[in-house]
Amino acid sequence: MFFGLWIFVVRTGVFDIFTASMRKAFKLKSTLDDDEMRPPSEALGFSSAPLLISGTITLLLMAICLAIYSL
């Protein structure tokens, strides 16, 4: 579930602005151009849906088992 949420957050582009500003701040030390480096949202080429679905199913099963155990 954690990895699915992490991938979802990165793929939405939240860190793209941070990455662009860090590249501008440390431009003197970098040897690559900004065009050659992809933003983090484009670097992840897979979807977070399978991880979120399996994590949600596992969380629901754990909650059901806990409810049965506590009865």
C-alpha atoms as a PDB file:
ATOM      1  CA  MET A   1       0.000   0.000   0.000  1.00  0.00           C
ATOM      2  CA  PHE A   2       2.836   2.380   0.896  1.00  0.00           C
ATOM      3  CA  PHE A   3       4.680   1.804  -2.388  1.00  0.00           C
ATOM      4  CA  GLY A   4       1.466   2.231  -4.371  1.00  0.00           C
ATOM      5  CA  LEU A   5       0.750   5.566  -2.704  1.00  0.00           C
ATOM      6  CA  TRP A   6       4.359   6.675  -3.156  1.00  0.00           C
ATOM      7  CA  ILE A   7       4.264   5.880  -6.877  1.00  0.00           C
ATOM      8  CA  PHE A   8       0.907   7.651  -7.202  1.00  0.00           C
ATOM      9  CA  VAL A   9       2.287  10.816  -5.579  1.00  0.00           C
ATOM     10  CA  VAL A  10       5.408  10.842  -7.745  1.00  0.00           C
ATOM     11  CA  ARG A  11       3.445  10.206 -10.952  1.00  0.00           C
ATOM     12  CA  THR A  12       1.087  13.130 -10.267  1.00  0.00           C
ATOM     13  CA  GLY A  13       3.998  15.537 -10.704  1.00  0.00           C
ATOM     14  CA  VAL A  14       4.330  16.834  -7.169  1.00  0.00           C
ATOM     15  CA  PHE A  15       8.130  16.565  -7.202  1.00  0.00           C
ATOM     16  CA  ASP A  16       8.604  17.949 -10.728  1.00  0.00           C
ATOM     17  CA  ILE A  17       8.699  21.559  -9.514  1.00  0.00           C
ATOM     18  CA  PHE A  18      11.086  20.662  -6.687  1.00  0.00           C
ATOM     19  CA  THR A  19      13.356  18.811  -9.103  1.00  0.00           C
ATOM     20  CA  ALA A  20      13.356  21.697 -11.583  1.00  0.00           C
ATOM     21  CA  SER A  21      14.217  24.219  -8.863  1.00  0.00           C
ATOM     22  CA  MET A  22      17.043  22.029  -7.528  1.00  0.00           C
ATOM     23  CA  ARG A  23      18.458  21.712 -11.042  1.00  0.00           C
ATOM     24  CA  LYS A  24      18.439  25.496 -11.392  1.00  0.00           C
ATOM     25  CA  ALA A  25      20.050  25.961  -7.984  1.00  0.00           C
ATOM     26  CA  PHE A  26      22.854  23.490  -8.688  1.00  0.00           C
ATOM     27  CA  LYS A  27      23.225  24.201 -12.401  1.00  0.00           C
ATOM     28  CA  LEU A  28      26.921  25.039 -12.098  1.00  0.00           C
ATOM     29  CA  LYS A  29      27.784  21.541 -10.877  1.00  0.00           C
ATOM     30  CA  SER A  30      25.650  19.664 -13.382  1.00  0.00           C
ATOM     31  CA  THR A  31      27.072  18.424 -16.674  1.00  0.00           C
ATOM     32  CA  LEU A  32      23.719  17.490 -18.216  1.00  0.00           C
ATOM     33  CA  ASP A  33      21.263  19.912 -19.761  1.00  0.00           C
ATOM     34  CA  ASP A  34      17.767  20.248 -18.327  1.00  0.00           C
ATOM     35  CA  ASP A  35      16.319  18.806 -21.522  1.00  0.00           C
ATOM     36  CA  GLU A  36      18.314  15.581 -21.158  1.00  0.00           C
ATOM     37  CA  MET A  37      16.982  14.837 -17.685  1.00  0.00           C
ATOM     38  CA  ARG A  38      13.397  13.658 -17.343  1.00  0.00           C
ATOM     39  CA  PRO A  39      11.174  14.781 -14.465  1.00  0.00           C
ATOM     40  CA  PRO A  40      10.348  12.105 -11.856  1.00  0.00           C
ATOM     41  CA  SER A  41       6.735  11.816 -13.033  1.00  0.00           C
ATOM     42  CA  GLU A  42       7.922  10.718 -16.484  1.00  0.00           C
ATOM     43  CA  ALA A  43      10.646   8.416 -15.161  1.00  0.00           C
ATOM     44  CA  LEU A  44       8.160   5.980 -13.628  1.00  0.00           C
ATOM     45  CA  GLY A  45       6.663   4.103 -16.533  1.00  0.00           C
ATOM     46  CA  PHE A  46       4.216   1.882 -14.675  1.00  0.00           C
ATOM     47  CA  SER A  47       0.897   2.447 -12.977  1.00  0.00           C
ATOM     48  CA  SER A  48       0.294   2.405  -9.254  1.00  0.00           C
ATOM     49  CA  ALA A  49      -3.172   0.854  -9.608  1.00  0.00           C
ATOM     50  CA  PRO A  50      -2.164  -2.831  -9.127  1.00  0.00           C
ATOM     51  CA  LEU A  51      -0.238  -2.014  -5.959  1.00  0.00           C
ATOM     52  CA  LEU A  52      -3.076   0.111  -4.581  1.00  0.00           C
ATOM     53  CA  ILE A  53      -5.683  -2.549  -5.368  1.00  0.00           C
ATOM     54  CA  SER A  54      -3.722  -5.379  -3.765  1.00  0.00           C
ATOM     55  CA  GLY A  55      -2.902  -3.192  -0.755  1.00  0.00           C
ATOM     56  CA  THR A  56      -6.546  -2.228  -0.297  1.00  0.00           C
ATOM     57  CA  ILE A  57      -7.694  -5.852  -0.538  1.00  0.00           C
ATOM     58  CA  THR A  58      -5.073  -6.905   1.998  1.00  0.00           C
ATOM     59  CA  LEU A  59      -6.056  -4.081   4.347  1.00  0.00           C
ATOM     60  CA  LEU A  60      -9.745  -5.027   4.117  1.00  0.00           C
ATOM     61  CA  LEU A  61      -9.007  -8.708   4.755  1.00  0.00           C
ATOM     62  CA  MET A  62      -6.899  -7.783   7.771  1.00  0.00           C
ATOM     63  CA  ALA A  63      -9.720  -5.599   9.143  1.00  0.00           C
ATOM     64  CA  ILE A  64     -12.262  -8.412   8.646  1.00  0.00           C
ATOM     65  CA  CYS A  65      -9.977 -10.933  10.353  1.00  0.00           C
ATOM     66  CA  LEU A  66      -9.393  -8.539  13.249  1.00  0.00           C
ATOM     67  CA  ALA A  67     -13.136  -8.010  13.660  1.00  0.00           C
ATOM     68  CA  ILE A  68     -13.745 -11.775  13.660  1.00  0.00           C
ATOM     69  CA  TYR A  69     -10.896 -12.340  16.121  1.00  0.00           C
ATOM     70  CA  SER A  70     -12.164  -9.682  18.529  1.00  0.00           C
ATOM     71  CA  LEU A  71     -15.629 -11.275  18.700  1.00  0.00           C
END
